[in-house]
Amino acid sequence: MKTIEVEQFCVHYNIPSSFIDSLGSFELVKIIEVKNSKHLQVDDIRKVEKLMRLHYDLKVNFEALDVIENLTNQINSLQSEIHQLKNKIEFYR
């Protein structure tokens, strides 16, 4: 599991580290402690970028970000289930 230091990430994107802390407190991303510094998983960077755009560009608050993320996960899960069911139907035709 590759990680990036939160402070380095925040400097690169010019955002306050409190934004990442808030994402962590809403359990939108997992913050990992490594040698007394906070780290993000590299796999979460794309997700954080999306949440940053929603928050800073569209002024979406953290509660709404949580709702958006949960609904997006449900949609993805349902789409995957639909795909599996279509494959089963094709198998039995």
C-alpha atoms as a PDB file:
ATOM      1  CA  MET A   1       0.000   0.000   0.000  1.00  0.00           C
ATOM      2  CA  LYS A   2       1.588   3.226  -1.176  1.00  0.00           C
ATOM      3  CA  THR A   3       0.915   6.419   0.704  1.00  0.00           C
ATOM      4  CA  ILE A   4       1.556  10.123   0.381  1.00  0.00           C
ATOM      5  CA  GLU A   5       2.092  12.496   3.263  1.00  0.00           C
ATOM      6  CA  VAL A   6      -0.931  14.720   3.854  1.00  0.00           C
ATOM      7  CA  GLU A   7       1.228  17.811   4.298  1.00  0.00           C
ATOM      8  CA  GLN A   8       2.962  17.210   0.956  1.00  0.00           C
ATOM      9  CA  PHE A   9      -0.391  16.582  -0.735  1.00  0.00           C
ATOM     10  CA  CYS A  10      -1.851  19.796   0.705  1.00  0.00           C
ATOM     11  CA  VAL A  11       1.129  21.881  -0.399  1.00  0.00           C
ATOM     12  CA  HIS A  12       0.901  20.458  -3.911  1.00  0.00           C
ATOM     13  CA  TYR A  13      -2.836  21.210  -4.204  1.00  0.00           C
ATOM     14  CA  ASN A  14      -2.674  24.422  -2.154  1.00  0.00           C
ATOM     15  CA  ILE A  15      -5.348  23.346   0.327  1.00  0.00           C
ATOM     16  CA  PRO A  16      -5.372  23.391   4.136  1.00  0.00           C
ATOM     17  CA  SER A  17      -4.651  20.119   5.918  1.00  0.00           C
ATOM     18  CA  SER A  18      -7.878  20.671   7.850  1.00  0.00           C
ATOM     19  CA  PHE A  19      -9.731  19.719   4.635  1.00  0.00           C
ATOM     20  CA  ILE A  20      -8.133  16.255   4.698  1.00  0.00           C
ATOM     21  CA  ASP A  21      -8.771  16.005   8.437  1.00  0.00           C
ATOM     22  CA  SER A  22     -12.448  16.753   7.819  1.00  0.00           C
ATOM     23  CA  LEU A  23     -12.613  14.111   5.087  1.00  0.00           C
ATOM     24  CA  GLY A  24     -11.098  11.690   7.567  1.00  0.00           C
ATOM     25  CA  SER A  25     -13.569  12.596  10.307  1.00  0.00           C
ATOM     26  CA  PHE A  26     -16.474  11.952   7.905  1.00  0.00           C
ATOM     27  CA  GLU A  27     -14.751   8.663   6.969  1.00  0.00           C
ATOM     28  CA  LEU A  28     -14.573   9.679   3.318  1.00  0.00           C
ATOM     29  CA  VAL A  29     -10.867   8.799   3.240  1.00  0.00           C
ATOM     30  CA  LYS A  30      -8.666   6.762   5.527  1.00  0.00           C
ATOM     31  CA  ILE A  31      -5.852   8.710   7.174  1.00  0.00           C
ATOM     32  CA  ILE A  32      -2.889   6.579   8.194  1.00  0.00           C
ATOM     33  CA  GLU A  33      -0.345   7.525  10.861  1.00  0.00           C
ATOM     34  CA  VAL A  34       3.229   6.778   9.757  1.00  0.00           C
ATOM     35  CA  LYS A  35       6.130   7.942  11.911  1.00  0.00           C
ATOM     36  CA  ASN A  36       4.114  10.726  13.569  1.00  0.00           C
ATOM     37  CA  SER A  37       2.808  12.113  10.284  1.00  0.00           C
ATOM     38  CA  LYS A  38      -0.505  11.688   8.530  1.00  0.00           C
ATOM     39  CA  HIS A  39      -0.645   9.886   5.195  1.00  0.00           C
ATOM     40  CA  LEU A  40      -3.256   9.198   2.511  1.00  0.00           C
ATOM     41  CA  GLN A  41      -3.369   6.065   0.416  1.00  0.00           C
ATOM     42  CA  VAL A  42      -2.336   6.776  -3.161  1.00  0.00           C
ATOM     43  CA  ASP A  43      -5.483   4.929  -4.293  1.00  0.00           C
ATOM     44  CA  ASP A  44      -7.578   7.645  -2.592  1.00  0.00           C
ATOM     45  CA  ILE A  45      -6.005  10.586  -4.438  1.00  0.00           C
ATOM     46  CA  ARG A  46      -8.504  10.539  -7.302  1.00  0.00           C
ATOM     47  CA  LYS A  47     -11.366  10.451  -4.795  1.00  0.00           C
ATOM     48  CA  VAL A  48      -9.900  13.358  -2.813  1.00  0.00           C
ATOM     49  CA  GLU A  49      -9.477  15.383  -6.016  1.00  0.00           C
ATOM     50  CA  LYS A  50     -13.152  14.836  -6.828  1.00  0.00           C
ATOM     51  CA  LEU A  51     -14.192  15.839  -3.303  1.00  0.00           C
ATOM     52  CA  MET A  52     -11.966  18.931  -3.489  1.00  0.00           C
ATOM     53  CA  ARG A  53     -13.660  20.069  -6.701  1.00  0.00           C
ATOM     54  CA  LEU A  54     -17.106  19.552  -5.201  1.00  0.00           C
ATOM     55  CA  HIS A  55     -16.185  21.361  -1.996  1.00  0.00           C
ATOM     56  CA  TYR A  56     -14.168  24.292  -3.331  1.00  0.00           C
ATOM     57  CA  ASP A  57     -15.676  24.839  -6.792  1.00  0.00           C
ATOM     58  CA  LEU A  58     -19.316  24.047  -6.049  1.00  0.00           C
ATOM     59  CA  LYS A  59     -19.303  24.974  -2.330  1.00  0.00           C
ATOM     60  CA  VAL A  60     -20.635  21.557  -1.262  1.00  0.00           C
ATOM     61  CA  ASN A  61     -20.358  21.060   2.514  1.00  0.00           C
ATOM     62  CA  PHE A  62     -18.921  17.936   4.159  1.00  0.00           C
ATOM     63  CA  GLU A  63     -22.308  16.478   5.074  1.00  0.00           C
ATOM     64  CA  ALA A  64     -23.371  16.681   1.425  1.00  0.00           C
ATOM     65  CA  LEU A  65     -20.021  15.231   0.306  1.00  0.00           C
ATOM     66  CA  ASP A  66     -20.752  12.235   2.522  1.00  0.00           C
ATOM     67  CA  VAL A  67     -24.201  11.801   0.954  1.00  0.00           C
ATOM     68  CA  ILE A  68     -22.801  12.171  -2.578  1.00  0.00           C
ATOM     69  CA  GLU A  69     -20.093   9.596  -1.896  1.00  0.00           C
ATOM     70  CA  ASN A  70     -22.575   7.102  -0.413  1.00  0.00           C
ATOM     71  CA  LEU A  71     -24.975   7.503  -3.336  1.00  0.00           C
ATOM     72  CA  THR A  72     -22.134   7.139  -5.839  1.00  0.00           C
ATOM     73  CA  ASN A  73     -21.037   3.909  -4.138  1.00  0.00           C
ATOM     74  CA  GLN A  74     -24.607   2.583  -4.242  1.00  0.00           C
ATOM     75  CA  ILE A  75     -24.933   3.428  -7.931  1.00  0.00           C
ATOM     76  CA  ASN A  76     -21.653   1.660  -8.712  1.00  0.00           C
ATOM     77  CA  SER A  77     -22.741  -1.382  -6.744  1.00  0.00           C
ATOM     78  CA  LEU A  78     -26.109  -1.526  -8.515  1.00  0.00           C
ATOM     79  CA  GLN A  79     -24.473  -1.133 -11.925  1.00  0.00           C
ATOM     80  CA  SER A  80     -22.150  -4.009 -11.123  1.00  0.00           C
ATOM     81  CA  GLU A  81     -25.088  -6.146 -10.025  1.00  0.00           C
ATOM     82  CA  ILE A  82     -26.998  -5.312 -13.230  1.00  0.00           C
ATOM     83  CA  HIS A  83     -23.970  -6.295 -15.294  1.00  0.00           C
ATOM     84  CA  GLN A  84     -23.707  -9.634 -13.464  1.00  0.00           C
ATOM     85  CA  LEU A  85     -27.414 -10.322 -13.920  1.00  0.00           C
ATOM     86  CA  LYS A  86     -27.238  -9.516 -17.629  1.00  0.00           C
ATOM     87  CA  ASN A  87     -24.365 -11.977 -17.971  1.00  0.00           C
ATOM     88  CA  LYS A  88     -26.427 -14.682 -16.219  1.00  0.00           C
ATOM     89  CA  ILE A  89     -29.387 -14.020 -18.504  1.00  0.00           C
ATOM     90  CA  GLU A  90     -27.157 -14.305 -21.586  1.00  0.00           C
ATOM     91  CA  PHE A  91     -25.726 -17.579 -20.253  1.00  0.00           C
ATOM     92  CA  TYR A  92     -29.170 -19.158 -19.975  1.00  0.00           C
ATOM     93  CA  ARG A  93     -30.457 -17.984 -23.364  1.00  0.00           C
END
